[in-house]
Protein backbone atom coordinates (compact mmCIF):
# COMPACT_ATOMS: atom_id res chain seq x y z
CA MET A 1 -0.01 -0.26 0.02
CA VAL A 2 0.81 3.39 -1.12
CA LYS A 3 1.07 5.60 1.76
CA PHE A 4 -0.53 9.20 1.65
CA GLY A 5 1.77 12.00 -0.24
CA THR A 6 4.28 9.26 -1.66
CA SER A 7 2.41 9.24 -4.82
CA ARG A 8 3.09 13.14 -5.06
CA ARG A 9 6.34 12.66 -4.00
CA LEU A 10 7.38 10.47 -6.98
CA LYS A 11 6.30 13.03 -9.44
CA LYS A 12 8.10 15.58 -8.08
CA ASN A 13 11.01 12.96 -8.23
CA ASN A 14 9.96 12.09 -12.14
CA PHE A 15 9.92 15.71 -13.15
CA LEU A 16 13.48 16.56 -11.39
CA THR A 17 15.55 13.55 -13.14
CA TYR A 18 13.27 14.57 -16.24
CA VAL A 19 14.34 18.36 -16.03
CA MET A 20 18.16 17.19 -14.98
CA GLU A 21 17.85 14.52 -18.29
CA ILE A 22 16.64 17.81 -20.31
CA PHE A 23 19.52 20.11 -18.76
CA ILE A 24 22.15 17.31 -19.42
CA VAL A 25 21.22 17.29 -23.05
CA ILE A 26 21.45 20.67 -23.17
CA PHE A 27 24.69 20.98 -21.67
CA GLY A 28 26.02 18.15 -24.03
CA ILE A 29 24.76 19.57 -26.74
CA THR A 30 26.81 23.13 -26.13
CA VAL A 31 30.00 21.58 -25.01
CA ALA A 32 30.19 19.46 -28.18
CA TYR A 33 29.03 22.63 -30.40
CA GLN A 34 31.68 24.79 -28.48
CA LEU A 35 34.39 22.13 -28.95
CA ASN A 36 33.32 22.03 -32.53
CA ILE A 37 33.94 25.65 -33.21
CA PHE A 38 37.17 25.32 -31.42
CA TYR A 39 38.36 22.96 -33.73
CA GLU A 40 37.26 24.76 -36.73
CA ASN A 41 39.15 28.11 -35.32
CA GLN A 42 41.70 26.15 -34.89
CA LYS A 43 41.86 24.53 -38.61
CA ASP A 44 41.50 28.04 -40.13
CA ASN A 45 44.29 29.04 -37.55
CA ARG A 46 46.48 26.59 -39.40
CA LEU A 47 44.89 27.53 -42.66
CA GLU A 48 45.60 30.95 -41.92
CA ILE A 49 49.04 30.58 -41.39
CA ALA A 50 50.00 28.43 -44.35
CA ALA A 51 48.61 31.62 -46.27
CA ILE A 52 50.81 33.60 -44.52
CA ASP A 53 53.55 32.08 -44.91
CA LYS A 54 53.24 31.52 -48.63
CA LEU A 55 52.79 34.82 -48.69
CA HIS A 56 56.27 35.48 -47.31
CA THR A 57 57.61 33.62 -49.40
CA GLU A 58 56.41 35.05 -52.40
CA ASN A 59 57.47 38.65 -50.72
CA GLU A 60 60.54 38.06 -49.95
CA SER A 61 61.01 36.58 -53.42
CA ASN A 62 59.83 40.04 -54.89
CA ILE A 63 62.08 42.08 -52.57
CA ALA A 64 65.08 40.26 -53.95
CA GLU A 65 64.03 40.68 -57.45
CA PHE A 66 63.85 44.44 -56.41
CA LYS A 67 66.94 44.62 -54.92
CA SER A 68 69.12 43.56 -57.97
CA LEU A 69 67.72 45.69 -60.41
CA ILE A 70 68.00 48.75 -57.81
CA GLU A 71 71.23 49.62 -59.19
CA ASP A 72 70.84 48.76 -63.12
CA ARG A 73 67.26 50.95 -62.78
CA LEU A 74 69.46 54.40 -60.89
CA ARG A 75 72.33 54.05 -63.53
CA LEU A 76 69.20 53.80 -66.83
CA GLU A 77 68.25 57.29 -65.08
CA ASP A 78 71.45 58.51 -64.78
CA ASP A 79 72.35 58.29 -68.26
CA THR A 80 69.47 58.90 -69.72
CA ARG A 81 69.75 62.44 -67.82
CA GLN A 82 73.20 63.22 -69.32
CA LEU A 83 72.28 61.92 -72.88
CA ALA A 84 69.54 64.58 -72.38
CA ARG A 85 72.32 67.11 -71.06
CA ILE A 86 74.87 66.44 -74.13
CA LEU A 87 72.02 66.91 -76.36
CA PHE A 88 70.64 70.27 -74.70
CA SER A 89 74.20 71.28 -74.42
CA GLY A 90 74.50 72.76 -77.93
CA GLY A 91 77.99 71.34 -77.70
CA ASN A 92 79.46 69.10 -80.84
CA LEU A 93 78.06 65.73 -80.48
CA GLU A 94 80.83 64.68 -82.53
CA ASP A 95 83.32 65.55 -79.60
CA ASP A 96 81.26 64.21 -76.62
CA SER A 97 80.76 61.06 -76.08
CA ILE A 98 77.02 60.04 -76.12
CA SER A 99 77.60 56.23 -77.88
CA HIS A 100 77.95 54.79 -74.49
CA TYR A 101 74.51 57.07 -73.16
CA LEU A 102 72.91 56.46 -76.73
CA PHE A 103 73.27 52.09 -76.50
CA ASP A 104 72.82 52.13 -72.58
CA ILE A 105 68.89 54.19 -72.35
CA ASN A 106 67.78 51.12 -75.13
CA GLN A 107 67.42 48.97 -72.25
CA THR A 108 64.62 48.08 -70.07
CA HIS A 109 64.99 46.52 -66.32
CA ARG A 110 61.56 44.94 -65.96
CA PRO A 111 60.43 43.43 -62.52
CA ARG A 112 58.91 40.44 -62.27
CA ILE A 113 56.49 40.29 -59.70
CA GLN A 114 54.78 37.37 -58.61
CA TYR A 115 51.11 37.93 -57.61
CA GLU A 116 49.56 34.29 -56.72
CA GLY A 117 50.85 33.89 -52.94
CA LEU A 118 49.06 38.15 -52.63
CA ASN A 119 45.69 37.13 -54.75
CA PHE A 120 45.18 34.25 -52.36
CA TYR A 121 45.80 35.29 -49.33
CA LEU A 122 43.13 38.42 -49.99
CA ASN A 123 40.94 35.73 -51.40
CA THR A 124 40.95 33.88 -47.97
CA ASN A 125 38.61 34.23 -44.98
CA TYR A 126 39.85 31.78 -42.46
CA ASN A 127 39.38 34.44 -39.99
CA ASP A 128 39.49 38.19 -39.38
CA LYS A 129 42.45 38.57 -37.46
CA ASN A 130 44.83 39.97 -39.53
CA THR A 131 42.77 43.23 -41.38
CA ASP A 132 45.40 45.31 -41.28
CA LEU A 133 47.95 43.08 -42.97
CA LYS A 134 45.12 42.64 -45.77
CA ASN A 135 44.73 46.42 -46.19
CA GLU A 136 48.57 46.72 -46.61
CA LEU A 137 48.92 43.92 -49.19
CA ILE A 138 45.62 46.14 -51.38
CA SER A 139 48.36 48.64 -51.18
CA LEU A 140 50.92 46.78 -52.29
CA LYS A 141 48.93 45.60 -55.15
CA ASN A 142 47.73 48.62 -56.48
CA TYR A 143 51.55 49.63 -56.77
CA TYR A 144 51.84 46.26 -58.54
CA ILE A 145 49.01 47.05 -60.92
CA GLU A 146 50.28 50.75 -61.39
CA LEU A 147 54.06 49.56 -61.93
CA ARG A 148 53.01 47.16 -64.42
CA GLU A 149 50.75 49.33 -66.19
CA LEU A 150 53.96 51.91 -66.38
CA VAL A 151 56.50 49.06 -67.39
CA THR A 152 54.43 48.17 -70.02
CA ASP A 153 53.88 51.49 -71.36
CA TYR A 154 57.77 52.38 -70.96
CA VAL A 155 58.73 49.71 -73.24
CA ARG A 156 56.63 50.04 -75.90
CA MET A 157 57.42 53.73 -75.85
CA LYS A 158 61.37 52.24 -76.34
CA GLU A 159 60.27 49.84 -78.70
CA LYS A 160 58.05 52.13 -81.10
CA TYR A 161 59.62 55.49 -80.55
CA TYR A 162 63.46 54.84 -79.73
CA GLY A 163 64.54 52.09 -81.33
CA GLU A 164 62.67 53.17 -84.48
CA PHE A 165 63.11 56.05 -84.76
CA LEU A 166 66.90 55.13 -84.59
CA VAL A 167 66.97 52.37 -86.83
CA SER A 168 68.67 54.06 -89.70
CA GLU A 169 70.98 55.82 -87.19
CA VAL A 170 72.50 53.56 -85.19
CA ASP A 171 73.85 49.85 -85.48
CA PHE A 172 72.40 48.19 -82.32
CA GLY A 173 74.36 45.03 -82.81
CA GLU A 174 77.72 46.40 -83.19
CA GLU A 175 77.06 49.46 -81.38
CA LYS A 176 77.97 52.07 -83.71
CA ILE A 177 76.28 55.46 -84.51
CA LEU A 178 76.29 55.58 -88.46
CA THR A 179 75.02 59.52 -88.34
CA LEU A 180 73.73 61.55 -86.36
CA ASN A 181 71.33 63.63 -88.64
CA LYS A 182 68.23 62.45 -86.43
CA ILE A 183 70.15 62.15 -83.37
CA LYS A 184 70.63 65.94 -83.87
CA SER A 185 67.31 66.91 -84.24
CA VAL A 186 64.45 68.59 -81.91
CA GLU A 187 62.39 65.55 -82.17
CA PHE A 188 64.93 63.34 -80.92
CA LYS A 189 65.75 65.69 -77.96
CA ASN A 190 62.28 65.30 -76.86
CA LEU A 191 62.09 61.97 -76.79
CA VAL A 192 64.98 61.57 -74.40
CA VAL A 193 62.99 64.57 -72.16
CA ASN A 194 60.39 61.88 -72.43
CA LEU A 195 62.33 59.11 -71.60
CA LEU A 196 64.13 60.30 -68.67
CA SER A 197 60.51 61.38 -67.43
CA ASN A 198 59.12 58.06 -67.83
CA GLU A 199 62.19 56.76 -65.49
CA ILE A 200 61.79 58.70 -63.21
CA ASP A 201 58.24 58.33 -62.69
CA LEU A 202 58.74 54.51 -62.91
CA ASN A 203 61.80 54.72 -60.37
CA THR A 204 59.17 56.92 -58.17
CA LEU A 205 57.29 53.82 -58.52
CA PHE A 206 59.65 51.27 -58.31
CA GLU A 207 61.05 52.48 -55.09
CA SER A 208 57.22 52.65 -53.39
CA ALA A 209 56.21 49.51 -54.01
CA TYR A 210 59.72 47.99 -52.78
CA GLN A 211 59.33 50.20 -49.58
CA LYS A 212 56.01 48.99 -49.03
CA ALA A 213 56.90 45.02 -49.79
CA VAL A 214 59.80 45.53 -47.04
CA ASP A 215 57.08 47.06 -44.84
CA ILE A 216 54.68 44.79 -45.20
CA ASP A 217 57.83 41.64 -44.63
CA ALA A 218 58.33 43.03 -41.31
CA ILE A 219 54.56 42.50 -40.17
CA VAL A 220 54.57 39.07 -41.61
CA GLU A 221 57.57 37.92 -39.96
CA GLU A 222 55.93 39.37 -36.63
CA LYS A 223 52.25 37.50 -37.23
CA LEU A 224 54.34 34.24 -38.12
CA GLY A 225 56.36 34.89 -34.93
CA HIS A 226 53.60 35.05 -32.96
CA ASP A 227 51.48 32.61 -34.06
CA ASP A 228 54.57 30.24 -33.58
CA ASP A 229 54.74 31.39 -29.73
């Protein structure tokens, strides 16, 4: 025989048990969800580090490319300036040694910039911890795009105007001046002035892109160092 009040206590115990079971289930689901988020974040962080590391390797390669061209690019600008000075000096071109400058400035020194790692990282969305790095990379990419366009125009101008203009005046293979007729012309003087302007603009942009790449290299190394700690 069940005593009076026992049924009520059993119902109360069953209700508490039911509530505890619900709590345990909810707690278990919450813990599992949080663990899943944790592991996903860990996975994303590893992918982020790998992408930054790839970017680092590519950026260092671009910096090395810039460094290898700095001396040649500055010399090219200086030689173009010297040729312009000689042409506008009013002196006797036969007495001036212009052949060195004339043939040297026919060269082009174009940086071979790599974009793959940069573009890949900008398109990733593993986490939002490195927005500062992405902003810097956008600036660097804009420098690279501008540099590529300017170099394309620069090369086209040299090939189309400088080379074609002098094709009957000089022997580029032997590096010999055959005649000074066109070289003495106002048209050629203006052409050299335009070339000098292009060299100055290109070197200014070249230096800006190089410095931005160096700054980014420091940021990337710091982030990789923090991630390794």
